[in-house]
Full PDB file with SEQRES, HELIX, SHEET, SSBOND, CRYST1, ORIGX, SCALE, CONECT and MASTER records, all heavy atoms in Angstrom:
SEQRES   1 A   30  ASP LEU GLN MET ASN ASN LEU LYS PRO GLU ASP THR ALA          
SEQRES   2 A   30  ILE TYR TYR CYS SER ALA ARG TYR ARG ASP VAL TYR TRP          
SEQRES   3 A   30  GLY GLN GLY THR                                              
HELIX    1 AA1 PRO A    9  ASP A   11  5                                   3    
SHEET    1 AA1 2 SER A  18  ARG A  20  0                                        
SHEET    2 AA1 2 VAL A  24  TRP A  26 -1                                        
CRYST1    1.000    1.000    1.000  90.00  90.00  90.00 P 1           1          
ORIGX1      1.000000  0.000000  0.000000        0.00000                         
ORIGX2      0.000000  1.000000  0.000000        0.00000                         
ORIGX3      0.000000  0.000000  1.000000        0.00000                         
SCALE1      1.000000  0.000000  0.000000        0.00000                         
SCALE2      0.000000  1.000000  0.000000        0.00000                         
SCALE3      0.000000  0.000000  1.000000        0.00000                         
ATOM      1  N   ASP A   1       5.792  16.254 -46.285  1.00  0.00           N  
ATOM      2  CA  ASP A   1       5.491  15.132 -45.409  1.00  0.00           C  
ATOM      3  C   ASP A   1       3.987  14.958 -45.248  1.00  0.00           C  
ATOM      4  O   ASP A   1       3.217  15.913 -45.386  1.00  0.00           O  
ATOM      5  CB  ASP A   1       6.105  15.348 -44.032  1.00  0.00           C  
ATOM      6  CG  ASP A   1       7.623  15.283 -44.058  1.00  0.00           C  
ATOM      7  OD1 ASP A   1       8.191  14.858 -45.080  1.00  0.00           O  
ATOM      8  OD2 ASP A   1       8.231  15.671 -43.045  1.00  0.00           O  
ATOM      9  N   LEU A   2       3.606  13.735 -44.925  1.00  0.00           N  
ATOM     10  CA  LEU A   2       2.220  13.433 -44.597  1.00  0.00           C  
ATOM     11  C   LEU A   2       2.224  12.678 -43.273  1.00  0.00           C  
ATOM     12  O   LEU A   2       2.654  11.518 -43.224  1.00  0.00           O  
ATOM     13  CB  LEU A   2       1.555  12.598 -45.686  1.00  0.00           C  
ATOM     14  CG  LEU A   2       0.060  12.318 -45.482  1.00  0.00           C  
ATOM     15  CD1 LEU A   2      -0.744  13.618 -45.633  1.00  0.00           C  
ATOM     16  CD2 LEU A   2      -0.443  11.265 -46.474  1.00  0.00           C  
ATOM     17  N   GLN A   3       1.778  13.335 -42.228  1.00  0.00           N  
ATOM     18  CA  GLN A   3       1.649  12.693 -40.923  1.00  0.00           C  
ATOM     19  C   GLN A   3       0.281  12.037 -40.846  1.00  0.00           C  
ATOM     20  O   GLN A   3      -0.742  12.703 -40.997  1.00  0.00           O  
ATOM     21  CB  GLN A   3       1.795  13.717 -39.798  1.00  0.00           C  
ATOM     22  CG  GLN A   3       1.611  13.142 -38.404  1.00  0.00           C  
ATOM     23  CD  GLN A   3       2.696  12.149 -38.039  1.00  0.00           C  
ATOM     24  OE1 GLN A   3       3.873  12.375 -38.301  1.00  0.00           O  
ATOM     25  NE2 GLN A   3       2.303  11.037 -37.422  1.00  0.00           N  
ATOM     26  N   MET A   4       0.283  10.728 -40.638  1.00  0.00           N  
ATOM     27  CA  MET A   4      -0.961   9.964 -40.621  1.00  0.00           C  
ATOM     28  C   MET A   4      -1.163   9.368 -39.238  1.00  0.00           C  
ATOM     29  O   MET A   4      -0.344   8.557 -38.782  1.00  0.00           O  
ATOM     30  CB  MET A   4      -0.896   8.856 -41.679  1.00  0.00           C  
ATOM     31  CG  MET A   4      -0.576   9.366 -43.074  1.00  0.00           C  
ATOM     32  SD  MET A   4      -0.684   8.100 -44.344  1.00  0.00           S  
ATOM     33  CE  MET A   4       0.663   7.029 -43.854  1.00  0.00           C  
ATOM     34  N   ASN A   5      -2.216   9.784 -38.576  1.00  0.00           N  
ATOM     35  CA  ASN A   5      -2.546   9.298 -37.246  1.00  0.00           C  
ATOM     36  C   ASN A   5      -3.859   8.533 -37.266  1.00  0.00           C  
ATOM     37  O   ASN A   5      -4.663   8.676 -38.196  1.00  0.00           O  
ATOM     38  CB  ASN A   5      -2.650  10.470 -36.271  1.00  0.00           C  
ATOM     39  CG  ASN A   5      -1.348  11.225 -36.122  1.00  0.00           C  
ATOM     40  OD1 ASN A   5      -0.262  10.651 -36.213  1.00  0.00           O  
ATOM     41  ND2 ASN A   5      -1.457  12.528 -35.904  1.00  0.00           N  
ATOM     42  N   ASN A   6      -4.067   7.729 -36.240  1.00  0.00           N  
ATOM     43  CA  ASN A   6      -5.304   6.961 -36.111  1.00  0.00           C  
ATOM     44  C   ASN A   6      -5.625   6.225 -37.415  1.00  0.00           C  
ATOM     45  O   ASN A   6      -6.739   6.312 -37.941  1.00  0.00           O  
ATOM     46  CB  ASN A   6      -6.469   7.873 -35.719  1.00  0.00           C  
ATOM     47  CG  ASN A   6      -7.718   7.111 -35.350  1.00  0.00           C  
ATOM     48  OD1 ASN A   6      -7.659   5.937 -35.000  1.00  0.00           O  
ATOM     49  ND2 ASN A   6      -8.861   7.767 -35.457  1.00  0.00           N  
ATOM     50  N   LEU A   7      -4.655   5.515 -37.908  1.00  0.00           N  
ATOM     51  CA  LEU A   7      -4.818   4.826 -39.185  1.00  0.00           C  
ATOM     52  C   LEU A   7      -5.860   3.726 -39.109  1.00  0.00           C  
ATOM     53  O   LEU A   7      -6.029   3.059 -38.068  1.00  0.00           O  
ATOM     54  CB  LEU A   7      -3.479   4.253 -39.644  1.00  0.00           C  
ATOM     55  CG  LEU A   7      -2.529   5.299 -40.244  1.00  0.00           C  
ATOM     56  CD1 LEU A   7      -1.087   4.838 -40.197  1.00  0.00           C  
ATOM     57  CD2 LEU A   7      -2.952   5.621 -41.674  1.00  0.00           C  
ATOM     58  N   LYS A   8      -6.567   3.559 -40.220  1.00  0.00           N  
ATOM     59  CA  LYS A   8      -7.634   2.573 -40.318  1.00  0.00           C  
ATOM     60  C   LYS A   8      -7.299   1.583 -41.440  1.00  0.00           C  
ATOM     61  O   LYS A   8      -6.558   1.927 -42.365  1.00  0.00           O  
ATOM     62  CB  LYS A   8      -8.952   3.270 -40.639  1.00  0.00           C  
ATOM     63  CG  LYS A   8      -9.343   4.336 -39.628  1.00  0.00           C  
ATOM     64  CD  LYS A   8     -10.604   5.062 -40.058  1.00  0.00           C  
ATOM     65  CE  LYS A   8     -10.988   6.144 -39.052  1.00  0.00           C  
ATOM     66  NZ  LYS A   8     -12.233   6.850 -39.452  1.00  0.00           N  
ATOM     67  N   PRO A   9      -7.866   0.393 -41.399  1.00  0.00           N  
ATOM     68  CA  PRO A   9      -7.598  -0.577 -42.477  1.00  0.00           C  
ATOM     69  C   PRO A   9      -7.916  -0.013 -43.863  1.00  0.00           C  
ATOM     70  O   PRO A   9      -7.227  -0.355 -44.830  1.00  0.00           O  
ATOM     71  CB  PRO A   9      -8.521  -1.743 -42.117  1.00  0.00           C  
ATOM     72  CG  PRO A   9      -8.629  -1.684 -40.626  1.00  0.00           C  
ATOM     73  CD  PRO A   9      -8.650  -0.211 -40.302  1.00  0.00           C  
ATOM     74  N   GLU A  10      -8.914   0.845 -43.942  1.00  0.00           N  
ATOM     75  CA  GLU A  10      -9.272   1.414 -45.244  1.00  0.00           C  
ATOM     76  C   GLU A  10      -8.256   2.434 -45.764  1.00  0.00           C  
ATOM     77  O   GLU A  10      -8.382   2.908 -46.893  1.00  0.00           O  
ATOM     78  CB  GLU A  10     -10.663   2.055 -45.202  1.00  0.00           C  
ATOM     79  CG  GLU A  10     -10.880   3.026 -44.070  1.00  0.00           C  
ATOM     80  CD  GLU A  10     -11.565   2.382 -42.868  1.00  0.00           C  
ATOM     81  OE1 GLU A  10     -11.186   1.236 -42.492  1.00  0.00           O  
ATOM     82  OE2 GLU A  10     -12.449   3.047 -42.283  1.00  0.00           O  
ATOM     83  N   ASP A  11      -7.269   2.764 -44.954  1.00  0.00           N  
ATOM     84  CA  ASP A  11      -6.176   3.623 -45.411  1.00  0.00           C  
ATOM     85  C   ASP A  11      -5.112   2.823 -46.159  1.00  0.00           C  
ATOM     86  O   ASP A  11      -4.178   3.410 -46.715  1.00  0.00           O  
ATOM     87  CB  ASP A  11      -5.521   4.348 -44.232  1.00  0.00           C  
ATOM     88  CG  ASP A  11      -6.465   5.318 -43.545  1.00  0.00           C  
ATOM     89  OD1 ASP A  11      -7.192   6.043 -44.259  1.00  0.00           O  
ATOM     90  OD2 ASP A  11      -6.462   5.359 -42.299  1.00  0.00           O  
ATOM     91  N   THR A  12      -5.242   1.526 -46.154  1.00  0.00           N  
ATOM     92  CA  THR A  12      -4.273   0.681 -46.856  1.00  0.00           C  
ATOM     93  C   THR A  12      -4.278   0.997 -48.345  1.00  0.00           C  
ATOM     94  O   THR A  12      -5.327   0.981 -48.996  1.00  0.00           O  
ATOM     95  CB  THR A  12      -4.619  -0.807 -46.645  1.00  0.00           C  
ATOM     96  OG1 THR A  12      -4.471  -1.126 -45.259  1.00  0.00           O  
ATOM     97  CG2 THR A  12      -3.700  -1.696 -47.472  1.00  0.00           C  
ATOM     98  N   ALA A  13      -3.107   1.318 -48.874  1.00  0.00           N  
ATOM     99  CA  ALA A  13      -2.982   1.716 -50.277  1.00  0.00           C  
ATOM    100  C   ALA A  13      -1.523   1.974 -50.593  1.00  0.00           C  
ATOM    101  O   ALA A  13      -0.673   1.995 -49.697  1.00  0.00           O  
ATOM    102  CB  ALA A  13      -3.793   2.974 -50.549  1.00  0.00           C  
ATOM    103  N   ILE A  14      -1.260   2.173 -51.862  1.00  0.00           N  
ATOM    104  CA  ILE A  14       0.030   2.724 -52.270  1.00  0.00           C  
ATOM    105  C   ILE A  14      -0.139   4.240 -52.290  1.00  0.00           C  
ATOM    106  O   ILE A  14      -1.083   4.754 -52.911  1.00  0.00           O  
ATOM    107  CB  ILE A  14       0.464   2.205 -53.647  1.00  0.00           C  
ATOM    108  CG1 ILE A  14       0.611   0.681 -53.624  1.00  0.00           C  
ATOM    109  CG2 ILE A  14       1.790   2.852 -54.050  1.00  0.00           C  
ATOM    110  CD1 ILE A  14       0.929   0.079 -54.977  1.00  0.00           C  
ATOM    111  N   TYR A  15       0.768   4.922 -51.626  1.00  0.00           N  
ATOM    112  CA  TYR A  15       0.709   6.374 -51.532  1.00  0.00           C  
ATOM    113  C   TYR A  15       1.757   6.984 -52.460  1.00  0.00           C  
ATOM    114  O   TYR A  15       2.932   6.581 -52.432  1.00  0.00           O  
ATOM    115  CB  TYR A  15       0.950   6.820 -50.087  1.00  0.00           C  
ATOM    116  CG  TYR A  15      -0.248   6.595 -49.203  1.00  0.00           C  
ATOM    117  CD1 TYR A  15      -0.647   5.305 -48.861  1.00  0.00           C  
ATOM    118  CD2 TYR A  15      -1.006   7.668 -48.736  1.00  0.00           C  
ATOM    119  CE1 TYR A  15      -1.763   5.091 -48.069  1.00  0.00           C  
ATOM    120  CE2 TYR A  15      -2.123   7.461 -47.938  1.00  0.00           C  
ATOM    121  CZ  TYR A  15      -2.491   6.177 -47.612  1.00  0.00           C  
ATOM    122  OH  TYR A  15      -3.598   5.963 -46.819  1.00  0.00           O  
ATOM    123  N   TYR A  16       1.308   7.954 -53.239  1.00  0.00           N  
ATOM    124  CA  TYR A  16       2.168   8.607 -54.219  1.00  0.00           C  
ATOM    125  C   TYR A  16       2.297  10.093 -53.914  1.00  0.00           C  
ATOM    126  O   TYR A  16       1.308  10.769 -53.603  1.00  0.00           O  
ATOM    127  CB  TYR A  16       1.595   8.458 -55.628  1.00  0.00           C  
ATOM    128  CG  TYR A  16       1.490   7.040 -56.124  1.00  0.00           C  
ATOM    129  CD1 TYR A  16       0.329   6.306 -55.929  1.00  0.00           C  
ATOM    130  CD2 TYR A  16       2.554   6.442 -56.791  1.00  0.00           C  
ATOM    131  CE1 TYR A  16       0.223   4.998 -56.392  1.00  0.00           C  
ATOM    132  CE2 TYR A  16       2.457   5.135 -57.265  1.00  0.00           C  
ATOM    133  CZ  TYR A  16       1.292   4.430 -57.051  1.00  0.00           C  
ATOM    134  OH  TYR A  16       1.195   3.134 -57.514  1.00  0.00           O  
ATOM    135  N   CYS A  17       3.490  10.579 -54.059  1.00  0.00           N  
ATOM    136  CA  CYS A  17       3.766  12.006 -53.959  1.00  0.00           C  
ATOM    137  C   CYS A  17       3.664  12.611 -55.353  1.00  0.00           C  
ATOM    138  O   CYS A  17       4.080  11.986 -56.339  1.00  0.00           O  
ATOM    139  CB  CYS A  17       5.167  12.198 -53.396  1.00  0.00           C  
ATOM    140  SG  CYS A  17       5.737  13.895 -53.304  1.00  0.00           S  
ATOM    141  N   SER A  18       3.101  13.813 -55.441  1.00  0.00           N  
ATOM    142  CA  SER A  18       3.016  14.489 -56.733  1.00  0.00           C  
ATOM    143  C   SER A  18       3.452  15.930 -56.597  1.00  0.00           C  
ATOM    144  O   SER A  18       3.339  16.536 -55.529  1.00  0.00           O  
ATOM    145  CB  SER A  18       1.586  14.443 -57.277  1.00  0.00           C  
ATOM    146  OG  SER A  18       0.759  15.351 -56.583  1.00  0.00           O  
ATOM    147  N   ALA A  19       3.951  16.466 -57.725  1.00  0.00           N  
ATOM    148  CA  ALA A  19       4.348  17.863 -57.798  1.00  0.00           C  
ATOM    149  C   ALA A  19       3.702  18.452 -59.047  1.00  0.00           C  
ATOM    150  O   ALA A  19       3.829  17.901 -60.138  1.00  0.00           O  
ATOM    151  CB  ALA A  19       5.864  17.996 -57.873  1.00  0.00           C  
ATOM    152  N   ARG A  20       3.012  19.560 -58.866  1.00  0.00           N  
ATOM    153  CA  ARG A  20       2.282  20.146 -59.988  1.00  0.00           C  
ATOM    154  C   ARG A  20       2.631  21.611 -60.124  1.00  0.00           C  
ATOM    155  O   ARG A  20       2.518  22.384 -59.166  1.00  0.00           O  
ATOM    156  CB  ARG A  20       0.773  19.979 -59.805  1.00  0.00           C  
ATOM    157  CG  ARG A  20      -0.060  20.624 -60.889  1.00  0.00           C  
ATOM    158  CD  ARG A  20      -1.495  20.171 -60.791  1.00  0.00           C  
ATOM    159  NE  ARG A  20      -2.080  20.480 -59.501  1.00  0.00           N  
ATOM    160  CZ  ARG A  20      -2.632  21.641 -59.190  1.00  0.00           C  
ATOM    161  NH1 ARG A  20      -2.663  22.616 -60.085  1.00  0.00           N  
ATOM    162  NH2 ARG A  20      -3.162  21.841 -57.991  1.00  0.00           N  
ATOM    163  N   TYR A  21       3.046  21.987 -61.330  1.00  0.00           N  
ATOM    164  CA  TYR A  21       3.248  23.396 -61.675  1.00  0.00           C  
ATOM    165  C   TYR A  21       2.794  23.547 -63.120  1.00  0.00           C  
ATOM    166  O   TYR A  21       1.603  23.616 -63.375  1.00  0.00           O  
ATOM    167  CB  TYR A  21       4.698  23.807 -61.446  1.00  0.00           C  
ATOM    168  CG  TYR A  21       4.993  25.269 -61.691  1.00  0.00           C  
ATOM    169  CD1 TYR A  21       4.170  26.260 -61.175  1.00  0.00           C  
ATOM    170  CD2 TYR A  21       6.111  25.664 -62.437  1.00  0.00           C  
ATOM    171  CE1 TYR A  21       4.424  27.600 -61.407  1.00  0.00           C  
ATOM    172  CE2 TYR A  21       6.370  26.997 -62.662  1.00  0.00           C  
ATOM    173  CZ  TYR A  21       5.536  27.964 -62.148  1.00  0.00           C  
ATOM    174  OH  TYR A  21       5.798  29.293 -62.380  1.00  0.00           O  
ATOM    175  N   ARG A  22       3.685  23.537 -64.053  1.00  0.00           N  
ATOM    176  CA  ARG A  22       3.276  23.496 -65.455  1.00  0.00           C  
ATOM    177  C   ARG A  22       2.935  22.075 -65.866  1.00  0.00           C  
ATOM    178  O   ARG A  22       2.072  21.859 -66.715  1.00  0.00           O  
ATOM    179  CB  ARG A  22       4.388  24.050 -66.337  1.00  0.00           C  
ATOM    180  CG  ARG A  22       4.658  25.545 -66.141  1.00  0.00           C  
ATOM    181  CD  ARG A  22       5.653  26.051 -67.140  1.00  0.00           C  
ATOM    182  NE  ARG A  22       5.905  27.481 -66.986  1.00  0.00           N  
ATOM    183  CZ  ARG A  22       6.886  27.978 -66.262  1.00  0.00           C  
ATOM    184  NH1 ARG A  22       7.687  27.162 -65.619  1.00  0.00           N  
ATOM    185  NH2 ARG A  22       7.062  29.284 -66.160  1.00  0.00           N  
ATOM    186  N   ASP A  23       3.626  21.128 -65.285  1.00  0.00           N  
ATOM    187  CA  ASP A  23       3.377  19.700 -65.521  1.00  0.00           C  
ATOM    188  C   ASP A  23       3.157  19.025 -64.182  1.00  0.00           C  
ATOM    189  O   ASP A  23       3.322  19.645 -63.126  1.00  0.00           O  
ATOM    190  CB  ASP A  23       4.567  19.056 -66.246  1.00  0.00           C  
ATOM    191  CG  ASP A  23       4.762  19.618 -67.632  1.00  0.00           C  
ATOM    192  OD1 ASP A  23       3.825  19.528 -68.440  1.00  0.00           O  
ATOM    193  OD2 ASP A  23       5.860  20.142 -67.904  1.00  0.00           O  
ATOM    194  N   VAL A  24       2.805  17.754 -64.259  1.00  0.00           N  
ATOM    195  CA  VAL A  24       2.625  16.964 -63.041  1.00  0.00           C  
ATOM    196  C   VAL A  24       3.667  15.861 -63.015  1.00  0.00           C  
ATOM    197  O   VAL A  24       3.875  15.167 -64.018  1.00  0.00           O  
ATOM    198  CB  VAL A  24       1.217  16.340 -62.973  1.00  0.00           C  
ATOM    199  CG1 VAL A  24       1.051  15.544 -61.674  1.00  0.00           C  
ATOM    200  CG2 VAL A  24       0.156  17.425 -63.086  1.00  0.00           C  
ATOM    201  N   TYR A  25       4.303  15.723 -61.888  1.00  0.00           N  
ATOM    202  CA  TYR A  25       5.320  14.692 -61.700  1.00  0.00           C  
ATOM    203  C   TYR A  25       4.897  13.788 -60.551  1.00  0.00           C  
ATOM    204  O   TYR A  25       4.225  14.226 -59.616  1.00  0.00           O  
ATOM    205  CB  TYR A  25       6.675  15.334 -61.399  1.00  0.00           C  
ATOM    206  CG  TYR A  25       7.155  16.245 -62.500  1.00  0.00           C  
ATOM    207  CD1 TYR A  25       6.871  17.608 -62.468  1.00  0.00           C  
ATOM    208  CD2 TYR A  25       7.880  15.736 -63.583  1.00  0.00           C  
ATOM    209  CE1 TYR A  25       7.296  18.454 -63.486  1.00  0.00           C  
ATOM    210  CE2 TYR A  25       8.304  16.583 -64.602  1.00  0.00           C  
ATOM    211  CZ  TYR A  25       8.009  17.923 -64.551  1.00  0.00           C  
ATOM    212  OH  TYR A  25       8.430  18.744 -65.564  1.00  0.00           O  
ATOM    213  N   TRP A  26       5.343  12.532 -60.632  1.00  0.00           N  
ATOM    214  CA  TRP A  26       4.939  11.530 -59.647  1.00  0.00           C  
ATOM    215  C   TRP A  26       6.148  10.777 -59.112  1.00  0.00           C  
ATOM    216  O   TRP A  26       7.110  10.526 -59.840  1.00  0.00           O  
ATOM    217  CB  TRP A  26       3.991  10.514 -60.283  1.00  0.00           C  
ATOM    218  CG  TRP A  26       2.710  11.119 -60.752  1.00  0.00           C  
ATOM    219  CD1 TRP A  26       2.446  11.612 -61.987  1.00  0.00           C  
ATOM    220  CD2 TRP A  26       1.517  11.294 -59.985  1.00  0.00           C  
ATOM    221  NE1 TRP A  26       1.160  12.108 -62.047  1.00  0.00           N  
ATOM    222  CE2 TRP A  26       0.572  11.917 -60.830  1.00  0.00           C  
ATOM    223  CE3 TRP A  26       1.164  10.994 -58.668  1.00  0.00           C  
ATOM    224  CZ2 TRP A  26      -0.718  12.242 -60.392  1.00  0.00           C  
ATOM    225  CZ3 TRP A  26      -0.122  11.319 -58.242  1.00  0.00           C  
ATOM    226  CH2 TRP A  26      -1.044  11.932 -59.093  1.00  0.00           C  
ATOM    227  N   GLY A  27       6.039  10.397 -57.852  1.00  0.00           N  
ATOM    228  CA  GLY A  27       7.018   9.498 -57.281  1.00  0.00           C  
ATOM    229  C   GLY A  27       6.667   8.061 -57.596  1.00  0.00           C  
ATOM    230  O   GLY A  27       5.653   7.782 -58.249  1.00  0.00           O  
ATOM    231  N   GLN A  28       7.481   7.141 -57.097  1.00  0.00           N  
ATOM    232  CA  GLN A  28       7.296   5.734 -57.424  1.00  0.00           C  
ATOM    233  C   GLN A  28       6.271   5.063 -56.507  1.00  0.00           C  
ATOM    234  O   GLN A  28       5.810   3.960 -56.806  1.00  0.00           O  
ATOM    235  CB  GLN A  28       8.633   4.985 -57.335  1.00  0.00           C  
ATOM    236  CG  GLN A  28       9.061   4.572 -55.932  1.00  0.00           C  
ATOM    237  CD  GLN A  28       9.558   5.727 -55.075  1.00  0.00           C  
ATOM    238  OE1 GLN A  28       9.704   6.858 -55.547  1.00  0.00           O  
ATOM    239  NE2 GLN A  28       9.828   5.438 -53.812  1.00  0.00           N  
ATOM    240  N   GLY A  29       5.915   5.705 -55.432  1.00  0.00           N  
ATOM    241  CA  GLY A  29       4.915   5.172 -54.516  1.00  0.00           C  
ATOM    242  C   GLY A  29       5.529   4.432 -53.345  1.00  0.00           C  
ATOM    243  O   GLY A  29       6.629   3.880 -53.443  1.00  0.00           O  
ATOM    244  N   THR A  30       4.802   4.431 -52.239  1.00  0.00           N  
ATOM    245  CA  THR A  30       5.219   3.684 -51.053  1.00  0.00           C  
ATOM    246  C   THR A  30       3.987   2.998 -50.467  1.00  0.00           C  
ATOM    247  O   THR A  30       2.908   3.597 -50.374  1.00  0.00           O  
ATOM    248  CB  THR A  30       5.906   4.600 -50.027  1.00  0.00           C  
ATOM    249  OG1 THR A  30       6.414   3.814 -48.941  1.00  0.00           O  
ATOM    250  CG2 THR A  30       4.961   5.662 -49.476  1.00  0.00           C  
TER     251      THR A  30                                                      
MASTER        0    0    0    1    2    0    0    6  250    1    0    3          
END                                                                             
């Protein structure tokens, strides 16, 4: 999870989850 407080306009973006071990995997973004 990512708890985001006191959000600012500059935080506007697509946020992606990633998992890294031997390879890197990505989610579809939110």
